[in-house]
């Protein structure tokens, strides 16, 4: 089955609709998606930025929020601009790595995005993540303790470094098995098509 790596950053606005769309689209296309949470902050810092480019360039930021509102409206996704942007996504990403190693990872990722950009909540607060975990039937205390352990912290650093080596500079990003990089929610369909074209069965009849 063709595979596609979905590189997501929980502070990323356009990763919200991508996360909500990718499951259905991938299943329809016959592509297996691997969710890869990482941090954009260290990558931005290496470029000399101390915040999101949407904050550095206000006109671009105003456009982005209106564009995201339009996209969410078309997809019938709830939308609420959070008071703080970008939010601290470290804890959410660490929990996601734990969850994705089990069978509730994708549900957790979608729930984080829904809380942040659907309800305007602060995912940098531990209480927000705890509520999400409880809603998924998880032991919030145990998961949060594990997420902040010395065993988990290096996993996120390694994942972020891998994103950097792949040339990823923004989110959402999609990387196919041959290393082709697609950036942006509006490139999701193209990425799935490219991933599918790499299958040995591509172009062959039944």
N, C-alpha and C. Protein backbone atom coordinates (compact mmCIF):
# COMPACT_ATOMS: atom_id res chain seq x y z
N UNK A 1 0.85 -1.19 0.00
CA UNK A 1 0.00 0.00 0.00
C UNK A 1 0.88 1.24 0.00
N UNK A 2 0.64 2.18 -0.90
CA UNK A 2 1.45 3.41 -0.93
C UNK A 2 1.36 4.14 0.40
N UNK A 3 2.44 4.84 0.77
CA UNK A 3 2.47 5.56 2.04
C UNK A 3 2.73 7.05 1.80
N UNK A 4 2.28 7.85 2.75
CA UNK A 4 2.50 9.29 2.73
C UNK A 4 2.74 9.75 4.15
N UNK A 5 3.83 10.45 4.38
CA UNK A 5 4.12 11.00 5.70
C UNK A 5 3.49 12.39 5.81
N UNK A 6 2.67 12.56 6.82
CA UNK A 6 1.97 13.81 7.09
C UNK A 6 2.68 14.51 8.25
N UNK A 7 3.45 15.55 7.92
CA UNK A 7 4.21 16.29 8.93
C UNK A 7 3.35 17.45 9.43
N UNK A 8 2.99 17.40 10.71
CA UNK A 8 2.07 18.36 11.28
C UNK A 8 2.66 19.06 12.49
N UNK A 9 2.31 20.32 12.61
CA UNK A 9 2.69 21.15 13.77
C UNK A 9 1.39 21.68 14.36
N UNK A 10 1.17 21.40 15.65
CA UNK A 10 -0.12 21.76 16.25
C UNK A 10 -0.37 23.26 16.31
N UNK A 11 0.68 24.07 16.21
CA UNK A 11 0.48 25.52 16.18
C UNK A 11 0.15 26.03 14.79
N UNK A 12 0.20 25.15 13.80
CA UNK A 12 0.00 25.53 12.40
C UNK A 12 -1.48 25.62 12.05
N UNK A 13 -1.90 26.77 11.55
CA UNK A 13 -3.30 26.99 11.21
C UNK A 13 -3.79 26.08 10.08
N UNK A 14 -3.04 26.04 9.00
CA UNK A 14 -3.49 25.26 7.84
C UNK A 14 -3.38 23.75 8.06
N UNK A 15 -2.69 23.35 9.11
CA UNK A 15 -2.66 21.92 9.45
C UNK A 15 -4.01 21.46 10.00
N UNK A 16 -4.81 22.40 10.48
CA UNK A 16 -6.14 22.05 11.01
C UNK A 16 -7.03 21.43 9.94
N UNK A 17 -7.31 22.12 8.84
CA UNK A 17 -8.15 21.47 7.82
C UNK A 17 -7.48 20.25 7.20
N UNK A 18 -6.16 20.27 7.09
CA UNK A 18 -5.47 19.10 6.53
C UNK A 18 -5.68 17.87 7.41
N UNK A 19 -5.57 18.07 8.72
CA UNK A 19 -5.75 16.95 9.65
C UNK A 19 -7.17 16.41 9.60
N UNK A 20 -8.12 17.29 9.37
CA UNK A 20 -9.52 16.86 9.34
C UNK A 20 -9.91 16.20 8.02
N UNK A 21 -9.13 16.46 6.96
CA UNK A 21 -9.46 15.92 5.63
C UNK A 21 -8.70 14.67 5.26
N UNK A 22 -7.49 14.53 5.79
CA UNK A 22 -6.56 13.57 5.23
C UNK A 22 -7.00 12.12 5.41
N UNK A 23 -7.67 11.80 6.50
CA UNK A 23 -8.07 10.41 6.73
C UNK A 23 -9.02 9.90 5.66
N UNK A 24 -10.08 10.64 5.42
CA UNK A 24 -11.08 10.23 4.42
C UNK A 24 -10.49 10.19 3.02
N UNK A 25 -9.72 11.22 2.68
CA UNK A 25 -9.13 11.27 1.34
C UNK A 25 -8.13 10.13 1.12
N UNK A 26 -7.32 9.84 2.14
CA UNK A 26 -6.32 8.78 2.00
C UNK A 26 -6.97 7.41 1.86
N UNK A 27 -8.00 7.18 2.64
CA UNK A 27 -8.70 5.89 2.54
C UNK A 27 -9.32 5.73 1.15
N UNK A 28 -9.89 6.79 0.64
CA UNK A 28 -10.51 6.73 -0.69
C UNK A 28 -9.46 6.48 -1.77
N UNK A 29 -8.27 7.05 -1.58
CA UNK A 29 -7.20 6.90 -2.58
C UNK A 29 -6.44 5.58 -2.42
N UNK A 30 -6.57 4.94 -1.26
CA UNK A 30 -5.81 3.72 -1.02
C UNK A 30 -4.38 4.00 -0.61
N UNK A 31 -4.17 5.07 0.16
CA UNK A 31 -2.83 5.46 0.61
C UNK A 31 -2.78 5.39 2.13
N UNK A 32 -1.72 4.80 2.65
CA UNK A 32 -1.52 4.73 4.10
C UNK A 32 -0.79 5.98 4.57
N UNK A 33 -1.35 6.69 5.54
CA UNK A 33 -0.76 7.93 6.04
C UNK A 33 -0.09 7.70 7.39
N UNK A 34 1.12 8.21 7.50
CA UNK A 34 1.84 8.18 8.78
C UNK A 34 1.91 9.61 9.32
N UNK A 35 1.30 9.82 10.47
CA UNK A 35 1.24 11.15 11.08
C UNK A 35 2.55 11.41 11.81
N UNK A 36 3.18 12.57 11.51
CA UNK A 36 4.49 12.89 12.06
C UNK A 36 4.48 14.28 12.72
N UNK A 37 4.12 14.36 13.99
CA UNK A 37 4.18 15.66 14.67
C UNK A 37 5.62 16.14 14.87
N UNK A 38 5.83 17.44 14.71
CA UNK A 38 7.15 18.03 14.91
C UNK A 38 6.98 19.47 15.34
N UNK A 39 8.08 20.17 15.60
CA UNK A 39 8.03 21.56 16.03
C UNK A 39 8.62 22.47 14.95
N UNK A 40 7.90 23.50 14.61
CA UNK A 40 8.40 24.47 13.64
C UNK A 40 9.30 25.52 14.29
N UNK A 41 9.14 25.74 15.58
CA UNK A 41 9.90 26.77 16.27
C UNK A 41 11.40 26.70 16.02
N UNK A 42 12.03 25.53 16.25
CA UNK A 42 13.47 25.43 16.01
C UNK A 42 13.86 25.68 14.55
N UNK A 43 12.99 25.29 13.63
CA UNK A 43 13.27 25.51 12.21
C UNK A 43 13.16 27.00 11.88
N UNK A 44 12.16 27.65 12.43
CA UNK A 44 12.03 29.10 12.23
C UNK A 44 13.24 29.84 12.81
N UNK A 45 13.66 29.42 13.99
CA UNK A 45 14.80 30.09 14.63
C UNK A 45 16.06 29.97 13.80
N UNK A 46 16.24 28.83 13.13
CA UNK A 46 17.42 28.65 12.28
C UNK A 46 17.39 29.60 11.08
N UNK A 47 16.20 30.14 10.78
CA UNK A 47 16.04 31.09 9.68
C UNK A 47 16.04 32.53 10.18
N UNK A 48 16.24 32.69 11.50
CA UNK A 48 16.28 34.04 12.06
C UNK A 48 14.94 34.59 12.48
N UNK A 49 13.90 33.73 12.55
CA UNK A 49 12.57 34.18 12.95
C UNK A 49 12.32 33.78 14.40
N UNK A 50 11.70 34.68 15.18
CA UNK A 50 11.37 34.35 16.56
C UNK A 50 9.88 34.13 16.76
N UNK A 51 9.12 34.15 15.67
CA UNK A 51 7.69 33.89 15.72
C UNK A 51 7.23 33.44 14.34
N UNK A 52 5.93 33.23 14.19
CA UNK A 52 5.37 32.82 12.91
C UNK A 52 5.51 33.93 11.88
N UNK A 53 5.76 33.58 10.61
CA UNK A 53 5.78 34.61 9.55
C UNK A 53 4.44 35.33 9.42
N UNK A 54 3.37 34.71 9.88
CA UNK A 54 2.07 35.38 9.85
C UNK A 54 2.00 36.52 10.87
N UNK A 55 2.87 36.48 11.88
CA UNK A 55 2.98 37.60 12.82
C UNK A 55 4.01 38.62 12.33
N UNK A 56 5.05 38.12 11.68
CA UNK A 56 6.09 39.02 11.18
C UNK A 56 5.57 39.92 10.07
N UNK A 57 4.63 39.41 9.29
CA UNK A 57 4.06 40.16 8.18
C UNK A 57 2.55 40.29 8.40
N UNK A 58 2.10 41.36 9.08
CA UNK A 58 0.71 41.49 9.49
C UNK A 58 -0.31 41.35 8.36
N UNK A 59 0.00 41.89 7.18
CA UNK A 59 -0.95 41.77 6.07
C UNK A 59 -1.15 40.31 5.69
N UNK A 60 -0.06 39.56 5.71
CA UNK A 60 -0.14 38.13 5.41
C UNK A 60 -0.93 37.41 6.48
N UNK A 61 -0.74 37.82 7.74
CA UNK A 61 -1.47 37.21 8.84
C UNK A 61 -2.97 37.46 8.75
N UNK A 62 -3.34 38.70 8.43
CA UNK A 62 -4.77 39.01 8.29
C UNK A 62 -5.41 38.19 7.18
N UNK A 63 -4.67 38.05 6.08
CA UNK A 63 -5.19 37.24 4.98
C UNK A 63 -5.35 35.78 5.41
N UNK A 64 -4.34 35.26 6.12
CA UNK A 64 -4.37 33.86 6.53
C UNK A 64 -5.60 33.55 7.37
N UNK A 65 -5.91 34.41 8.35
CA UNK A 65 -7.06 34.13 9.21
C UNK A 65 -8.37 34.15 8.43
N UNK A 66 -8.49 35.10 7.51
CA UNK A 66 -9.71 35.13 6.69
C UNK A 66 -9.77 33.93 5.76
N UNK A 67 -8.63 33.54 5.20
CA UNK A 67 -8.57 32.38 4.30
C UNK A 67 -8.94 31.12 5.06
N UNK A 68 -8.41 30.98 6.27
CA UNK A 68 -8.72 29.79 7.08
C UNK A 68 -10.21 29.76 7.42
N UNK A 69 -10.76 30.92 7.71
CA UNK A 69 -12.20 30.98 8.00
C UNK A 69 -13.01 30.52 6.79
N UNK A 70 -12.60 30.95 5.59
CA UNK A 70 -13.31 30.52 4.37
C UNK A 70 -13.19 29.01 4.17
N UNK A 71 -11.97 28.48 4.36
CA UNK A 71 -11.73 27.04 4.17
C UNK A 71 -12.59 26.24 5.14
N UNK A 72 -12.60 26.65 6.41
CA UNK A 72 -13.38 25.93 7.41
C UNK A 72 -14.87 26.00 7.09
N UNK A 73 -15.31 27.16 6.61
CA UNK A 73 -16.71 27.29 6.23
C UNK A 73 -17.09 26.34 5.12
N UNK A 74 -16.21 26.22 4.12
CA UNK A 74 -16.49 25.33 3.00
C UNK A 74 -16.51 23.86 3.43
N UNK A 75 -15.67 23.53 4.41
CA UNK A 75 -15.59 22.15 4.90
C UNK A 75 -16.57 21.88 6.03
N UNK A 76 -17.30 22.92 6.44
CA UNK A 76 -18.23 22.82 7.58
C UNK A 76 -17.50 22.43 8.87
N UNK A 77 -16.31 23.00 9.04
CA UNK A 77 -15.54 22.81 10.26
C UNK A 77 -15.75 24.01 11.17
N UNK A 78 -15.91 23.80 12.47
CA UNK A 78 -16.00 24.95 13.37
C UNK A 78 -14.70 25.74 13.34
N UNK A 79 -14.82 27.05 13.50
CA UNK A 79 -13.62 27.88 13.48
C UNK A 79 -13.73 28.98 14.53
N UNK A 80 -12.65 29.14 15.31
CA UNK A 80 -12.56 30.23 16.28
C UNK A 80 -11.09 30.62 16.38
N UNK A 81 -10.79 31.86 16.05
CA UNK A 81 -9.40 32.31 16.11
C UNK A 81 -8.96 32.39 17.56
N UNK A 82 -7.92 31.65 17.94
CA UNK A 82 -7.46 31.70 19.33
C UNK A 82 -6.84 33.05 19.66
N UNK A 83 -6.95 33.45 20.92
CA UNK A 83 -6.41 34.74 21.34
C UNK A 83 -4.90 34.78 21.23
N UNK A 84 -4.26 33.63 21.45
CA UNK A 84 -2.80 33.54 21.39
C UNK A 84 -2.37 32.77 20.15
N UNK A 85 -1.45 33.35 19.39
CA UNK A 85 -0.92 32.67 18.20
C UNK A 85 0.51 33.14 17.95
N UNK A 86 1.43 32.19 17.69
CA UNK A 86 1.23 30.74 17.77
C UNK A 86 1.23 30.25 19.21
N UNK A 87 0.62 29.12 19.41
CA UNK A 87 0.54 28.54 20.75
C UNK A 87 1.71 27.59 20.99
N UNK A 88 2.00 27.36 22.25
CA UNK A 88 3.04 26.41 22.62
C UNK A 88 2.52 25.00 22.37
N UNK A 89 3.13 24.31 21.42
CA UNK A 89 2.62 23.00 21.00
C UNK A 89 3.48 21.84 21.48
N UNK A 90 4.45 22.12 22.35
CA UNK A 90 5.40 21.08 22.76
C UNK A 90 4.69 19.92 23.45
N UNK A 91 3.86 20.22 24.46
CA UNK A 91 3.21 19.14 25.20
C UNK A 91 2.28 18.34 24.30
N UNK A 92 1.51 19.02 23.47
CA UNK A 92 0.60 18.31 22.56
C UNK A 92 1.37 17.38 21.64
N UNK A 93 2.51 17.84 21.14
CA UNK A 93 3.30 17.01 20.22
C UNK A 93 3.89 15.80 20.94
N UNK A 94 4.33 15.99 22.17
CA UNK A 94 4.87 14.85 22.93
C UNK A 94 3.79 13.82 23.20
N UNK A 95 2.60 14.29 23.58
CA UNK A 95 1.50 13.35 23.81
C UNK A 95 1.14 12.65 22.51
N UNK A 96 1.16 13.38 21.40
CA UNK A 96 0.81 12.78 20.11
C UNK A 96 1.75 11.63 19.76
N UNK A 97 3.03 11.78 20.06
CA UNK A 97 3.98 10.71 19.78
C UNK A 97 3.63 9.45 20.57
N UNK A 98 3.20 9.63 21.80
CA UNK A 98 2.77 8.49 22.61
C UNK A 98 1.51 7.88 22.02
N UNK A 99 0.55 8.73 21.69
CA UNK A 99 -0.74 8.27 21.19
C UNK A 99 -0.62 7.58 19.84
N UNK A 100 0.24 8.09 18.96
CA UNK A 100 0.38 7.51 17.62
C UNK A 100 1.06 6.16 17.65
N UNK A 101 1.75 5.85 18.75
CA UNK A 101 2.33 4.52 18.91
C UNK A 101 1.27 3.53 19.36
N UNK A 102 0.07 4.05 19.66
CA UNK A 102 -1.06 3.21 20.04
C UNK A 102 -2.17 3.42 19.00
N UNK A 103 -3.40 3.15 19.38
CA UNK A 103 -4.46 3.21 18.38
C UNK A 103 -5.35 4.44 18.50
N UNK A 104 -4.95 5.42 19.30
CA UNK A 104 -5.79 6.61 19.47
C UNK A 104 -5.08 7.89 19.04
N UNK A 105 -3.98 7.74 18.35
CA UNK A 105 -3.17 8.89 17.97
C UNK A 105 -3.86 9.86 17.03
N UNK A 106 -4.45 9.35 15.98
CA UNK A 106 -5.09 10.25 15.01
C UNK A 106 -6.28 10.97 15.64
N UNK A 107 -7.03 10.27 16.48
CA UNK A 107 -8.15 10.90 17.18
C UNK A 107 -7.64 12.02 18.09
N UNK A 108 -6.53 11.79 18.75
CA UNK A 108 -5.96 12.81 19.62
C UNK A 108 -5.55 14.04 18.80
N UNK A 109 -4.87 13.82 17.70
CA UNK A 109 -4.42 14.94 16.87
C UNK A 109 -5.59 15.78 16.39
N UNK A 110 -6.62 15.11 15.92
CA UNK A 110 -7.80 15.86 15.45
C UNK A 110 -8.46 16.63 16.59
N UNK A 111 -8.49 16.01 17.77
CA UNK A 111 -9.11 16.67 18.93
C UNK A 111 -8.32 17.91 19.35
N UNK A 112 -7.00 17.86 19.24
CA UNK A 112 -6.18 19.03 19.58
C UNK A 112 -6.48 20.17 18.62
N UNK A 113 -6.52 19.88 17.34
CA UNK A 113 -6.82 20.93 16.36
C UNK A 113 -8.22 21.49 16.56
N UNK A 114 -9.18 20.62 16.87
CA UNK A 114 -10.55 21.07 17.08
C UNK A 114 -10.63 21.99 18.29
N UNK A 115 -9.88 21.68 19.34
CA UNK A 115 -9.88 22.52 20.53
C UNK A 115 -9.24 23.87 20.24
N UNK A 116 -8.15 23.86 19.50
CA UNK A 116 -7.38 25.08 19.26
C UNK A 116 -8.04 26.00 18.25
N UNK A 117 -8.32 25.48 17.07
CA UNK A 117 -8.84 26.33 16.00
C UNK A 117 -10.35 26.19 15.78
N UNK A 118 -10.95 25.18 16.41
CA UNK A 118 -12.39 25.04 16.33
C UNK A 118 -13.10 25.71 17.50
N UNK A 119 -12.41 25.70 18.67
CA UNK A 119 -13.02 26.28 19.88
C UNK A 119 -12.21 27.43 20.47
N UNK A 120 -11.03 27.71 19.89
CA UNK A 120 -10.22 28.83 20.35
C UNK A 120 -9.54 28.61 21.69
N UNK A 121 -9.34 27.35 22.08
CA UNK A 121 -8.74 27.06 23.38
C UNK A 121 -7.21 27.05 23.28
N UNK A 122 -6.55 27.18 24.42
CA UNK A 122 -5.09 27.23 24.47
C UNK A 122 -4.53 25.83 24.71
N UNK A 123 -3.94 25.24 23.67
CA UNK A 123 -3.41 23.88 23.81
C UNK A 123 -2.07 23.86 24.54
N UNK A 124 -1.53 25.05 24.82
CA UNK A 124 -0.30 25.11 25.60
C UNK A 124 -0.54 24.88 27.08
N UNK A 125 -1.81 24.91 27.49
CA UNK A 125 -2.15 24.69 28.88
C UNK A 125 -2.38 23.20 29.13
N UNK A 126 -1.79 22.70 30.19
CA UNK A 126 -1.89 21.28 30.50
C UNK A 126 -3.33 20.85 30.73
N UNK A 127 -4.15 21.75 31.29
CA UNK A 127 -5.54 21.39 31.56
C UNK A 127 -6.30 21.12 30.26
N UNK A 128 -5.97 21.86 29.20
CA UNK A 128 -6.63 21.63 27.91
C UNK A 128 -6.31 20.25 27.38
N UNK A 129 -5.05 19.87 27.45
CA UNK A 129 -4.65 18.54 26.98
C UNK A 129 -5.26 17.46 27.85
N UNK A 130 -5.35 17.71 29.14
CA UNK A 130 -5.94 16.73 30.05
C UNK A 130 -7.40 16.48 29.71
N UNK A 131 -8.14 17.55 29.41
CA UNK A 131 -9.55 17.40 29.04
C UNK A 131 -9.68 16.59 27.75
N UNK A 132 -8.81 16.86 26.79
CA UNK A 132 -8.83 16.10 25.53
C UNK A 132 -8.57 14.62 25.80
N UNK A 133 -7.57 14.34 26.63
CA UNK A 133 -7.23 12.95 26.95
C UNK A 133 -8.40 12.24 27.64
N UNK A 134 -9.02 12.92 28.58
CA UNK A 134 -10.15 12.32 29.28
C UNK A 134 -11.30 12.04 28.32
N UNK A 135 -11.50 12.95 27.37
CA UNK A 135 -12.56 12.76 26.38
C UNK A 135 -12.32 11.56 25.48
N UNK A 136 -11.06 11.16 25.37
CA UNK A 136 -10.71 9.99 24.56
C UNK A 136 -10.61 8.72 25.41
N UNK A 137 -10.97 8.84 26.68
CA UNK A 137 -10.96 7.68 27.56
C UNK A 137 -9.59 7.30 28.07
N UNK A 138 -8.65 8.23 28.06
CA UNK A 138 -7.29 7.96 28.51
C UNK A 138 -7.08 8.45 29.94
N UNK A 139 -6.12 7.86 30.60
CA UNK A 139 -5.71 8.30 31.93
C UNK A 139 -4.83 9.52 31.75
N UNK A 140 -5.43 10.71 31.90
CA UNK A 140 -4.71 11.95 31.60
C UNK A 140 -3.45 12.10 32.44
N UNK A 141 -3.54 11.81 33.72
CA UNK A 141 -2.38 11.96 34.59
C UNK A 141 -1.21 11.11 34.16
N UNK A 142 -1.50 9.85 33.85
CA UNK A 142 -0.44 8.92 33.45
C UNK A 142 0.17 9.32 32.12
N UNK A 143 -0.66 9.72 31.16
CA UNK A 143 -0.15 10.10 29.84
C UNK A 143 0.69 11.37 29.94
N UNK A 144 0.22 12.35 30.69
CA UNK A 144 0.97 13.60 30.82
C UNK A 144 2.30 13.39 31.52
N UNK A 145 2.31 12.52 32.49
CA UNK A 145 3.58 12.21 33.17
C UNK A 145 4.57 11.57 32.21
N UNK A 146 4.07 10.66 31.41
CA UNK A 146 4.94 9.99 30.44
C UNK A 146 5.42 10.98 29.37
N UNK A 147 4.53 11.89 28.96
CA UNK A 147 4.88 12.86 27.92
C UNK A 147 6.01 13.77 28.37
N UNK A 148 6.09 14.04 29.65
CA UNK A 148 7.11 14.96 30.17
C UNK A 148 8.31 14.23 30.76
N UNK A 149 8.41 12.95 30.46
CA UNK A 149 9.52 12.15 30.98
C UNK A 149 10.76 12.31 30.10
N UNK A 150 11.89 11.93 30.66
CA UNK A 150 13.15 12.01 29.91
C UNK A 150 13.19 11.01 28.76
N UNK A 151 12.30 10.04 28.79
CA UNK A 151 12.25 9.06 27.71
C UNK A 151 11.52 9.59 26.48
N UNK A 152 10.57 10.49 26.69
CA UNK A 152 9.75 11.00 25.58
C UNK A 152 10.33 12.24 24.94
N UNK A 153 10.91 13.12 25.74
CA UNK A 153 11.41 14.40 25.22
C UNK A 153 12.36 14.25 24.02
N UNK A 154 13.31 13.30 24.05
CA UNK A 154 14.22 13.18 22.91
C UNK A 154 13.53 12.72 21.63
N UNK A 155 12.39 12.04 21.77
CA UNK A 155 11.68 11.56 20.58
C UNK A 155 11.19 12.73 19.73
N UNK A 156 10.67 13.76 20.40
CA UNK A 156 10.19 14.93 19.66
C UNK A 156 11.35 15.70 19.05
N UNK A 157 12.45 15.81 19.78
CA UNK A 157 13.62 16.50 19.21
C UNK A 157 14.12 15.77 17.98
N UNK A 158 14.14 14.43 18.04
CA UNK A 158 14.60 13.64 16.89
C UNK A 158 13.67 13.79 15.70
N UNK A 159 12.36 13.82 15.97
CA UNK A 159 11.39 13.96 14.89
C UNK A 159 11.53 15.33 14.23
N UNK A 160 11.75 16.35 15.04
CA UNK A 160 11.93 17.70 14.50
C UNK A 160 13.20 17.79 13.66
N UNK A 161 14.26 17.14 14.12
CA UNK A 161 15.50 17.13 13.36
C UNK A 161 15.33 16.38 12.05
N UNK A 162 14.56 15.31 12.06
CA UNK A 162 14.30 14.59 10.82
C UNK A 162 13.55 15.47 9.83
N UNK A 163 12.58 16.23 10.32
CA UNK A 163 11.86 17.16 9.45
C UNK A 163 12.82 18.15 8.81
N UNK A 164 13.76 18.64 9.61
CA UNK A 164 14.73 19.60 9.08
C UNK A 164 15.56 18.97 7.97
N UNK A 165 16.01 17.73 8.18
CA UNK A 165 16.86 17.07 7.18
C UNK A 165 16.10 16.79 5.89
N UNK A 166 14.78 16.67 5.99
CA UNK A 166 13.96 16.45 4.80
C UNK A 166 13.69 17.73 4.04
N UNK A 167 14.14 18.85 4.59
CA UNK A 167 13.91 20.13 3.93
C UNK A 167 12.57 20.76 4.25
N UNK A 168 11.92 20.26 5.29
CA UNK A 168 10.61 20.82 5.66
C UNK A 168 10.80 22.18 6.31
N UNK A 169 10.01 23.15 5.87
CA UNK A 169 10.12 24.52 6.36
C UNK A 169 8.80 25.08 6.84
N UNK A 170 7.73 24.31 6.70
CA UNK A 170 6.41 24.76 7.12
C UNK A 170 5.48 23.58 7.29
N UNK A 171 4.28 23.86 7.74
CA UNK A 171 3.30 22.80 7.97
C UNK A 171 1.91 23.29 7.52
N UNK A 172 1.10 22.36 7.03
CA UNK A 172 1.39 20.94 6.91
C UNK A 172 2.30 20.64 5.72
N UNK A 173 3.11 19.62 5.88
CA UNK A 173 3.94 19.13 4.79
C UNK A 173 3.67 17.65 4.59
N UNK A 174 3.81 17.21 3.37
CA UNK A 174 3.58 15.81 3.03
C UNK A 174 4.79 15.30 2.24
N UNK A 175 5.31 14.15 2.64
CA UNK A 175 6.48 13.59 1.98
C UNK A 175 6.16 12.18 1.51
N UNK A 176 6.37 11.93 0.23
CA UNK A 176 6.09 10.62 -0.34
C UNK A 176 7.29 9.68 -0.17
N UNK A 177 7.11 8.43 -0.52
CA UNK A 177 8.14 7.42 -0.29
C UNK A 177 9.43 7.71 -1.05
N UNK A 178 9.34 8.46 -2.14
CA UNK A 178 10.54 8.80 -2.92
C UNK A 178 11.14 10.13 -2.49
N UNK A 179 10.63 10.71 -1.40
CA UNK A 179 11.19 11.94 -0.88
C UNK A 179 10.62 13.22 -1.46
N UNK A 180 9.58 13.12 -2.27
CA UNK A 180 8.97 14.32 -2.84
C UNK A 180 8.22 15.09 -1.75
N UNK A 181 8.44 16.40 -1.68
CA UNK A 181 7.86 17.24 -0.64
C UNK A 181 6.73 18.10 -1.20
N UNK A 182 5.61 18.09 -0.50
CA UNK A 182 4.47 18.94 -0.83
C UNK A 182 4.13 19.75 0.42
N UNK A 183 3.93 21.05 0.25
CA UNK A 183 3.68 21.93 1.38
C UNK A 183 2.32 22.62 1.26
N UNK A 184 1.53 22.52 2.30
CA UNK A 184 0.28 23.24 2.36
C UNK A 184 -0.95 22.36 2.25
N UNK A 185 -2.01 22.78 2.93
CA UNK A 185 -3.27 22.06 2.89
C UNK A 185 -3.77 21.90 1.46
N UNK A 186 -3.52 22.89 0.62
CA UNK A 186 -4.01 22.84 -0.76
C UNK A 186 -3.18 21.93 -1.66
N UNK A 187 -2.14 21.31 -1.10
CA UNK A 187 -1.34 20.35 -1.87
C UNK A 187 -1.58 18.91 -1.42
N UNK A 188 -2.54 18.73 -0.53
CA UNK A 188 -2.82 17.38 -0.01
C UNK A 188 -3.22 16.42 -1.12
N UNK A 189 -4.14 16.84 -1.96
CA UNK A 189 -4.59 15.95 -3.04
C UNK A 189 -3.45 15.60 -3.98
N UNK A 190 -2.60 16.58 -4.29
CA UNK A 190 -1.46 16.32 -5.16
C UNK A 190 -0.51 15.32 -4.53
N UNK A 191 -0.30 15.45 -3.21
CA UNK A 191 0.60 14.54 -2.51
C UNK A 191 0.07 13.11 -2.53
N UNK A 192 -1.23 12.96 -2.32
CA UNK A 192 -1.84 11.63 -2.36
C UNK A 192 -1.73 11.02 -3.75
N UNK A 193 -1.94 11.84 -4.76
CA UNK A 193 -1.84 11.34 -6.15
C UNK A 193 -0.41 10.90 -6.45
N UNK A 194 0.57 11.67 -5.98
CA UNK A 194 1.96 11.32 -6.22
C UNK A 194 2.32 10.02 -5.49
N UNK A 195 1.86 9.91 -4.24
CA UNK A 195 2.12 8.69 -3.47
C UNK A 195 1.53 7.47 -4.17
N UNK A 196 0.32 7.64 -4.69
CA UNK A 196 -0.35 6.54 -5.37
C UNK A 196 0.38 6.16 -6.66
N UNK A 197 0.99 7.13 -7.33
CA UNK A 197 1.68 6.86 -8.58
C UNK A 197 2.93 6.00 -8.38
N UNK A 198 3.42 5.94 -7.14
CA UNK A 198 4.62 5.15 -6.84
C UNK A 198 4.31 3.68 -6.62
N UNK A 199 3.05 3.34 -6.52
CA UNK A 199 2.66 1.95 -6.30
C UNK A 199 3.00 1.10 -7.51
N UNK A 200 3.48 -0.13 -7.30
CA UNK A 200 3.78 -1.03 -8.44
C UNK A 200 2.55 -1.29 -9.30
N UNK A 201 1.35 -1.09 -8.72
CA UNK A 201 0.12 -1.35 -9.46
C UNK A 201 -0.38 -0.13 -10.21
N UNK A 202 0.29 1.01 -10.05
CA UNK A 202 -0.17 2.24 -10.68
C UNK A 202 -0.21 2.08 -12.19
N UNK A 203 -1.32 2.43 -12.77
CA UNK A 203 -1.48 2.39 -14.21
C UNK A 203 -1.81 1.02 -14.76
N UNK A 204 -1.89 0.00 -13.87
CA UNK A 204 -2.19 -1.35 -14.34
C UNK A 204 -3.68 -1.66 -14.12
N UNK A 205 -4.24 -2.41 -15.00
CA UNK A 205 -5.63 -2.82 -14.86
C UNK A 205 -5.77 -3.93 -13.83
N UNK A 206 -7.01 -4.26 -13.49
CA UNK A 206 -7.24 -5.35 -12.52
C UNK A 206 -7.06 -6.70 -13.18
